[in-house]
Amino acid sequence: METPQRFLLIDDDPSNNLLTKISIKKVIDNAEVIAHTMPEAGIQYIIDEYAANPVQTVLFLDINMPTLSGWDVLDKFAEIPELIVPNFTIYVLSSSVDPSDKAKAASNNLVAGYLEKPLSREVLKSMFQLA
């Protein structure tokens, strides 16, 4: 995969968002990292921003959030204009080790992979084939 310049985090845990942002910035110097702790705000950001400014983006999506789950967010992608969706490569980034979550992610056509928290620099390097 080509190294994207924008990363979007949708995770209700600000600490995890900070750790993920630090890992991304250590591996990809000029990366733009945008974090949303409210899934609804993340979805609205995607609709508002990408209609006018489509950018190839990696979305790291948590599963277990209080208002909308990661699965709910993926369902909402069906309501997002079709021109926006191809801009995203979506990874579930979760602390869940439940095999059914991994299977559900694997069976979802929008999900490129399932990663366990915390996201390490080594995983990022291997994702983008960086030294």
N, C-alpha and C. Protein backbone atom coordinates (compact mmCIF):
# COMPACT_ATOMS: atom_id res chain seq x y z
N MET A 1 0.83 -1.17 0.00
CA MET A 1 0.00 0.00 0.00
C MET A 1 0.89 1.24 0.00
N GLU A 2 0.48 2.22 -0.79
CA GLU A 2 1.18 3.50 -0.81
C GLU A 2 0.97 4.20 0.53
N THR A 3 1.97 4.92 0.99
CA THR A 3 1.88 5.59 2.28
C THR A 3 0.94 6.79 2.17
N PRO A 4 -0.17 6.76 2.91
CA PRO A 4 -1.09 7.90 2.87
C PRO A 4 -0.55 9.06 3.70
N GLN A 5 -1.06 10.23 3.43
CA GLN A 5 -0.64 11.40 4.19
C GLN A 5 -1.64 11.78 5.26
N ARG A 6 -2.84 11.20 5.21
CA ARG A 6 -3.85 11.51 6.22
C ARG A 6 -4.31 10.23 6.91
N PHE A 7 -4.43 10.34 8.22
CA PHE A 7 -4.94 9.26 9.04
C PHE A 7 -6.09 9.81 9.86
N LEU A 8 -7.17 9.06 9.92
CA LEU A 8 -8.33 9.45 10.70
C LEU A 8 -8.54 8.39 11.77
N LEU A 9 -8.67 8.84 13.02
CA LEU A 9 -8.90 7.93 14.13
C LEU A 9 -10.31 8.17 14.65
N ILE A 10 -11.08 7.11 14.76
CA ILE A 10 -12.39 7.19 15.41
C ILE A 10 -12.34 6.19 16.56
N ASP A 11 -12.15 6.75 17.75
CA ASP A 11 -11.98 5.95 18.96
C ASP A 11 -12.35 6.84 20.15
N ASP A 12 -13.18 6.32 21.03
CA ASP A 12 -13.64 7.12 22.17
C ASP A 12 -12.59 7.30 23.25
N ASP A 13 -11.43 6.67 23.11
CA ASP A 13 -10.39 6.74 24.12
C ASP A 13 -9.31 7.75 23.72
N PRO A 14 -9.31 8.95 24.33
CA PRO A 14 -8.32 9.97 23.96
C PRO A 14 -6.88 9.51 24.16
N SER A 15 -6.63 8.69 25.18
CA SER A 15 -5.27 8.20 25.43
C SER A 15 -4.79 7.32 24.28
N ASN A 16 -5.66 6.43 23.81
CA ASN A 16 -5.28 5.58 22.70
C ASN A 16 -5.07 6.43 21.44
N ASN A 17 -5.91 7.43 21.24
CA ASN A 17 -5.73 8.31 20.08
C ASN A 17 -4.38 8.99 20.12
N LEU A 18 -3.97 9.45 21.29
CA LEU A 18 -2.68 10.11 21.44
C LEU A 18 -1.54 9.14 21.13
N LEU A 19 -1.60 7.93 21.69
CA LEU A 19 -0.56 6.92 21.43
C LEU A 19 -0.49 6.56 19.95
N THR A 20 -1.65 6.42 19.32
CA THR A 20 -1.69 6.08 17.89
C THR A 20 -1.10 7.21 17.08
N LYS A 21 -1.47 8.45 17.42
CA LYS A 21 -0.94 9.62 16.71
C LYS A 21 0.58 9.68 16.83
N ILE A 22 1.10 9.45 18.02
CA ILE A 22 2.56 9.47 18.23
C ILE A 22 3.23 8.40 17.37
N SER A 23 2.66 7.20 17.35
CA SER A 23 3.25 6.12 16.54
C SER A 23 3.25 6.49 15.06
N ILE A 24 2.14 7.03 14.57
CA ILE A 24 2.06 7.42 13.16
C ILE A 24 3.10 8.48 12.84
N LYS A 25 3.18 9.51 13.67
CA LYS A 25 4.11 10.62 13.42
C LYS A 25 5.57 10.18 13.48
N LYS A 26 5.87 9.17 14.29
CA LYS A 26 7.25 8.66 14.37
C LYS A 26 7.64 7.89 13.11
N VAL A 27 6.64 7.30 12.45
CA VAL A 27 6.90 6.49 11.26
C VAL A 27 6.75 7.32 9.97
N ILE A 28 5.77 8.22 9.94
CA ILE A 28 5.49 9.02 8.75
C ILE A 28 5.50 10.49 9.16
N ASP A 29 6.64 11.13 8.95
CA ASP A 29 6.89 12.49 9.45
C ASP A 29 5.78 13.49 9.16
N ASN A 30 5.39 13.58 7.91
CA ASN A 30 4.47 14.63 7.50
C ASN A 30 3.01 14.19 7.49
N ALA A 31 2.69 13.13 8.20
CA ALA A 31 1.31 12.64 8.22
C ALA A 31 0.41 13.60 8.97
N GLU A 32 -0.78 13.75 8.43
CA GLU A 32 -1.84 14.51 9.11
C GLU A 32 -2.68 13.48 9.87
N VAL A 33 -2.85 13.69 11.17
CA VAL A 33 -3.61 12.75 11.98
C VAL A 33 -4.77 13.51 12.62
N ILE A 34 -5.98 13.06 12.33
CA ILE A 34 -7.19 13.69 12.85
C ILE A 34 -7.91 12.65 13.70
N ALA A 35 -8.23 13.02 14.93
CA ALA A 35 -8.87 12.08 15.85
C ALA A 35 -10.25 12.60 16.26
N HIS A 36 -11.18 11.67 16.30
CA HIS A 36 -12.53 11.96 16.79
C HIS A 36 -12.87 10.95 17.88
N THR A 37 -13.27 11.46 19.05
CA THR A 37 -13.67 10.57 20.14
C THR A 37 -15.16 10.26 20.09
N MET A 38 -15.91 11.01 19.29
CA MET A 38 -17.34 10.75 19.10
C MET A 38 -17.53 10.22 17.69
N PRO A 39 -18.02 8.99 17.53
CA PRO A 39 -18.17 8.42 16.19
C PRO A 39 -19.03 9.28 15.27
N GLU A 40 -20.08 9.89 15.82
CA GLU A 40 -20.96 10.72 15.00
C GLU A 40 -20.20 11.90 14.41
N ALA A 41 -19.30 12.49 15.21
CA ALA A 41 -18.48 13.61 14.73
C ALA A 41 -17.52 13.13 13.64
N GLY A 42 -17.00 11.94 13.80
CA GLY A 42 -16.11 11.37 12.78
C GLY A 42 -16.82 11.16 11.45
N ILE A 43 -18.03 10.65 11.52
CA ILE A 43 -18.83 10.43 10.30
C ILE A 43 -19.15 11.77 9.64
N GLN A 44 -19.56 12.74 10.46
CA GLN A 44 -19.90 14.05 9.91
C GLN A 44 -18.67 14.71 9.28
N TYR A 45 -17.52 14.55 9.91
CA TYR A 45 -16.27 15.08 9.35
C TYR A 45 -16.02 14.47 7.97
N ILE A 46 -16.20 13.16 7.85
CA ILE A 46 -15.97 12.49 6.57
C ILE A 46 -16.91 13.06 5.51
N ILE A 47 -18.17 13.19 5.83
CA ILE A 47 -19.15 13.71 4.86
C ILE A 47 -18.79 15.14 4.46
N ASP A 48 -18.50 15.99 5.44
CA ASP A 48 -18.22 17.40 5.16
C ASP A 48 -16.89 17.61 4.45
N GLU A 49 -15.85 16.98 4.94
CA GLU A 49 -14.50 17.22 4.43
C GLU A 49 -14.25 16.57 3.07
N TYR A 50 -14.69 15.34 2.89
CA TYR A 50 -14.31 14.58 1.71
C TYR A 50 -15.15 14.88 0.48
N ALA A 51 -16.30 15.51 0.66
CA ALA A 51 -17.09 15.92 -0.49
C ALA A 51 -16.32 16.98 -1.28
N ALA A 52 -15.64 17.88 -0.56
CA ALA A 52 -14.91 18.97 -1.19
C ALA A 52 -13.41 18.68 -1.33
N ASN A 53 -12.86 17.85 -0.46
CA ASN A 53 -11.42 17.67 -0.41
C ASN A 53 -11.06 16.19 -0.26
N PRO A 54 -11.27 15.39 -1.31
CA PRO A 54 -10.97 13.96 -1.19
C PRO A 54 -9.47 13.70 -1.12
N VAL A 55 -9.06 12.97 -0.09
CA VAL A 55 -7.66 12.64 0.14
C VAL A 55 -7.60 11.17 0.54
N GLN A 56 -6.61 10.45 -0.01
CA GLN A 56 -6.44 9.06 0.40
C GLN A 56 -6.13 9.02 1.89
N THR A 57 -6.91 8.24 2.62
CA THR A 57 -6.87 8.26 4.08
C THR A 57 -6.95 6.86 4.63
N VAL A 58 -6.18 6.61 5.68
CA VAL A 58 -6.33 5.39 6.46
C VAL A 58 -7.18 5.74 7.67
N LEU A 59 -8.24 4.97 7.85
CA LEU A 59 -9.13 5.14 9.00
C LEU A 59 -8.88 4.00 9.97
N PHE A 60 -8.48 4.35 11.19
CA PHE A 60 -8.37 3.37 12.27
C PHE A 60 -9.63 3.51 13.12
N LEU A 61 -10.40 2.44 13.18
CA LEU A 61 -11.73 2.47 13.78
C LEU A 61 -11.81 1.51 14.96
N ASP A 62 -12.19 2.05 16.11
CA ASP A 62 -12.40 1.21 17.29
C ASP A 62 -13.75 0.51 17.16
N ILE A 63 -13.91 -0.61 17.82
CA ILE A 63 -15.18 -1.34 17.80
C ILE A 63 -16.08 -0.89 18.94
N ASN A 64 -15.56 -0.96 20.16
CA ASN A 64 -16.39 -0.74 21.35
C ASN A 64 -16.37 0.72 21.78
N MET A 65 -17.44 1.41 21.38
CA MET A 65 -17.61 2.82 21.76
C MET A 65 -19.03 2.97 22.29
N PRO A 66 -19.27 3.95 23.15
CA PRO A 66 -20.56 4.02 23.84
C PRO A 66 -21.76 4.43 22.99
N THR A 67 -21.61 5.35 22.04
CA THR A 67 -22.79 5.83 21.32
C THR A 67 -23.05 5.04 20.04
N LEU A 68 -22.02 4.87 19.25
CA LEU A 68 -22.08 4.02 18.06
C LEU A 68 -20.88 3.09 18.12
N SER A 69 -21.09 1.84 17.81
CA SER A 69 -19.97 0.91 17.75
C SER A 69 -19.24 1.10 16.41
N GLY A 70 -18.08 0.53 16.32
CA GLY A 70 -17.37 0.54 15.04
C GLY A 70 -18.19 -0.12 13.95
N TRP A 71 -18.95 -1.14 14.30
CA TRP A 71 -19.82 -1.81 13.32
C TRP A 71 -20.89 -0.84 12.84
N ASP A 72 -21.42 -0.03 13.76
CA ASP A 72 -22.42 0.98 13.37
C ASP A 72 -21.80 2.00 12.41
N VAL A 73 -20.57 2.40 12.70
CA VAL A 73 -19.89 3.36 11.82
C VAL A 73 -19.73 2.75 10.43
N LEU A 74 -19.35 1.49 10.36
CA LEU A 74 -19.22 0.83 9.06
C LEU A 74 -20.57 0.79 8.34
N ASP A 75 -21.64 0.56 9.08
CA ASP A 75 -22.98 0.58 8.48
C ASP A 75 -23.30 1.97 7.92
N LYS A 76 -22.86 3.01 8.62
CA LYS A 76 -23.10 4.39 8.18
C LYS A 76 -22.36 4.69 6.87
N PHE A 77 -21.28 3.96 6.61
CA PHE A 77 -20.57 4.17 5.35
C PHE A 77 -21.46 3.89 4.15
N ALA A 78 -22.48 3.07 4.32
CA ALA A 78 -23.43 2.80 3.25
C ALA A 78 -24.24 4.05 2.90
N GLU A 79 -24.32 4.99 3.84
CA GLU A 79 -25.08 6.22 3.63
C GLU A 79 -24.20 7.37 3.13
N ILE A 80 -22.91 7.17 3.12
CA ILE A 80 -21.97 8.20 2.68
C ILE A 80 -21.94 8.20 1.15
N PRO A 81 -21.89 9.37 0.52
CA PRO A 81 -21.84 9.41 -0.95
C PRO A 81 -20.76 8.49 -1.51
N GLU A 82 -21.12 7.78 -2.58
CA GLU A 82 -20.24 6.77 -3.15
C GLU A 82 -18.87 7.29 -3.57
N LEU A 83 -18.79 8.54 -3.95
CA LEU A 83 -17.51 9.10 -4.39
C LEU A 83 -16.52 9.23 -3.24
N ILE A 84 -17.00 9.26 -2.01
CA ILE A 84 -16.13 9.45 -0.85
C ILE A 84 -15.48 8.14 -0.40
N VAL A 85 -16.23 7.06 -0.43
CA VAL A 85 -15.79 5.78 0.14
C VAL A 85 -14.45 5.28 -0.41
N PRO A 86 -14.18 5.39 -1.73
CA PRO A 86 -12.89 4.88 -2.24
C PRO A 86 -11.65 5.60 -1.69
N ASN A 87 -11.85 6.73 -1.03
CA ASN A 87 -10.72 7.46 -0.45
C ASN A 87 -10.21 6.81 0.83
N PHE A 88 -10.91 5.81 1.34
CA PHE A 88 -10.61 5.24 2.65
C PHE A 88 -10.11 3.81 2.57
N THR A 89 -9.06 3.55 3.36
CA THR A 89 -8.64 2.20 3.68
C THR A 89 -8.91 2.08 5.17
N ILE A 90 -9.79 1.15 5.54
CA ILE A 90 -10.27 1.07 6.92
C ILE A 90 -9.68 -0.14 7.63
N TYR A 91 -9.12 0.14 8.80
CA TYR A 91 -8.63 -0.92 9.68
C TYR A 91 -9.37 -0.83 11.00
N VAL A 92 -9.85 -1.95 11.47
CA VAL A 92 -10.38 -2.01 12.83
C VAL A 92 -9.17 -2.02 13.75
N LEU A 93 -9.16 -1.11 14.72
CA LEU A 93 -8.08 -1.03 15.71
C LEU A 93 -8.75 -1.19 17.07
N SER A 94 -8.60 -2.36 17.66
CA SER A 94 -9.38 -2.67 18.85
C SER A 94 -8.56 -3.42 19.89
N SER A 95 -9.01 -3.32 21.12
CA SER A 95 -8.40 -4.11 22.20
C SER A 95 -9.12 -5.45 22.33
N SER A 96 -10.18 -5.64 21.56
CA SER A 96 -10.93 -6.90 21.62
C SER A 96 -10.10 -8.04 21.03
N VAL A 97 -10.06 -9.14 21.77
CA VAL A 97 -9.40 -10.34 21.26
C VAL A 97 -10.45 -11.42 20.94
N ASP A 98 -11.70 -11.01 20.89
CA ASP A 98 -12.82 -11.90 20.61
C ASP A 98 -12.72 -12.39 19.16
N PRO A 99 -12.60 -13.70 18.95
CA PRO A 99 -12.50 -14.23 17.59
C PRO A 99 -13.69 -13.83 16.70
N SER A 100 -14.86 -13.63 17.29
CA SER A 100 -16.01 -13.25 16.47
C SER A 100 -15.85 -11.82 15.93
N ASP A 101 -15.19 -10.94 16.69
CA ASP A 101 -14.92 -9.59 16.18
C ASP A 101 -13.95 -9.66 15.00
N LYS A 102 -12.93 -10.48 15.13
CA LYS A 102 -11.96 -10.62 14.04
C LYS A 102 -12.63 -11.22 12.80
N ALA A 103 -13.50 -12.19 13.01
CA ALA A 103 -14.21 -12.81 11.88
C ALA A 103 -15.16 -11.81 11.22
N LYS A 104 -15.85 -11.02 12.04
CA LYS A 104 -16.78 -10.02 11.51
C LYS A 104 -16.02 -8.98 10.70
N ALA A 105 -14.86 -8.55 11.18
CA ALA A 105 -14.05 -7.60 10.43
C ALA A 105 -13.58 -8.22 9.11
N ALA A 106 -13.15 -9.46 9.16
CA ALA A 106 -12.65 -10.13 7.96
C ALA A 106 -13.75 -10.30 6.91
N SER A 107 -14.99 -10.42 7.35
CA SER A 107 -16.09 -10.63 6.40
C SER A 107 -16.67 -9.32 5.87
N ASN A 108 -16.21 -8.18 6.38
CA ASN A 108 -16.74 -6.89 5.93
C ASN A 108 -15.87 -6.37 4.79
N ASN A 109 -16.49 -6.13 3.65
CA ASN A 109 -15.75 -5.70 2.46
C ASN A 109 -15.06 -4.35 2.62
N LEU A 110 -15.51 -3.54 3.56
CA LEU A 110 -14.90 -2.23 3.77
C LEU A 110 -13.62 -2.30 4.61
N VAL A 111 -13.45 -3.39 5.34
CA VAL A 111 -12.34 -3.50 6.29
C VAL A 111 -11.13 -4.18 5.64
N ALA A 112 -10.00 -3.46 5.66
CA ALA A 112 -8.76 -3.99 5.08
C ALA A 112 -8.01 -4.90 6.04
N GLY A 113 -8.27 -4.75 7.35
CA GLY A 113 -7.57 -5.57 8.32
C GLY A 113 -7.99 -5.28 9.74
N TYR A 114 -7.56 -6.16 10.63
CA TYR A 114 -7.89 -6.06 12.05
C TYR A 114 -6.57 -5.94 12.80
N LEU A 115 -6.43 -4.86 13.57
CA LEU A 115 -5.20 -4.62 14.33
C LEU A 115 -5.54 -4.51 15.80
N GLU A 116 -4.64 -5.00 16.63
CA GLU A 116 -4.85 -4.92 18.07
C GLU A 116 -4.15 -3.71 18.66
N LYS A 117 -4.82 -3.08 19.63
CA LYS A 117 -4.23 -1.94 20.35
C LYS A 117 -3.16 -2.45 21.29
N PRO A 118 -2.17 -1.65 21.56
CA PRO A 118 -1.87 -0.37 20.92
C PRO A 118 -1.20 -0.60 19.57
N LEU A 119 -1.40 0.35 18.66
CA LEU A 119 -0.79 0.28 17.34
C LEU A 119 0.70 0.59 17.47
N SER A 120 1.51 -0.35 17.06
CA SER A 120 2.96 -0.17 17.20
C SER A 120 3.58 0.41 15.93
N ARG A 121 4.74 1.00 16.10
CA ARG A 121 5.48 1.52 14.96
C ARG A 121 5.86 0.39 14.01
N GLU A 122 6.17 -0.76 14.57
CA GLU A 122 6.57 -1.90 13.73
C GLU A 122 5.43 -2.33 12.82
N VAL A 123 4.20 -2.34 13.35
CA VAL A 123 3.04 -2.71 12.53
C VAL A 123 2.85 -1.68 11.42
N LEU A 124 2.96 -0.41 11.76
CA LEU A 124 2.82 0.64 10.74
C LEU A 124 3.89 0.51 9.66
N LYS A 125 5.11 0.27 10.08
CA LYS A 125 6.20 0.12 9.10
C LYS A 125 5.92 -1.04 8.16
N SER A 126 5.44 -2.15 8.69
CA SER A 126 5.17 -3.30 7.83
C SER A 126 3.95 -3.04 6.93
N MET A 127 2.96 -2.29 7.42
CA MET A 127 1.79 -1.96 6.60
C MET A 127 2.19 -1.18 5.36
N PHE A 128 3.13 -0.26 5.53
CA PHE A 128 3.50 0.63 4.43
C PHE A 128 4.89 0.32 3.87
N GLN A 129 5.42 -0.84 4.26
CA GLN A 129 6.70 -1.33 3.78
C GLN A 129 7.79 -0.26 3.89
N LEU A 130 7.91 0.28 5.09
CA LEU A 130 8.90 1.30 5.38
C LEU A 130 10.06 0.67 6.17
N ALA A 131 11.23 1.21 5.99
CA ALA A 131 12.40 0.67 6.69
C ALA A 131 12.41 1.10 8.14
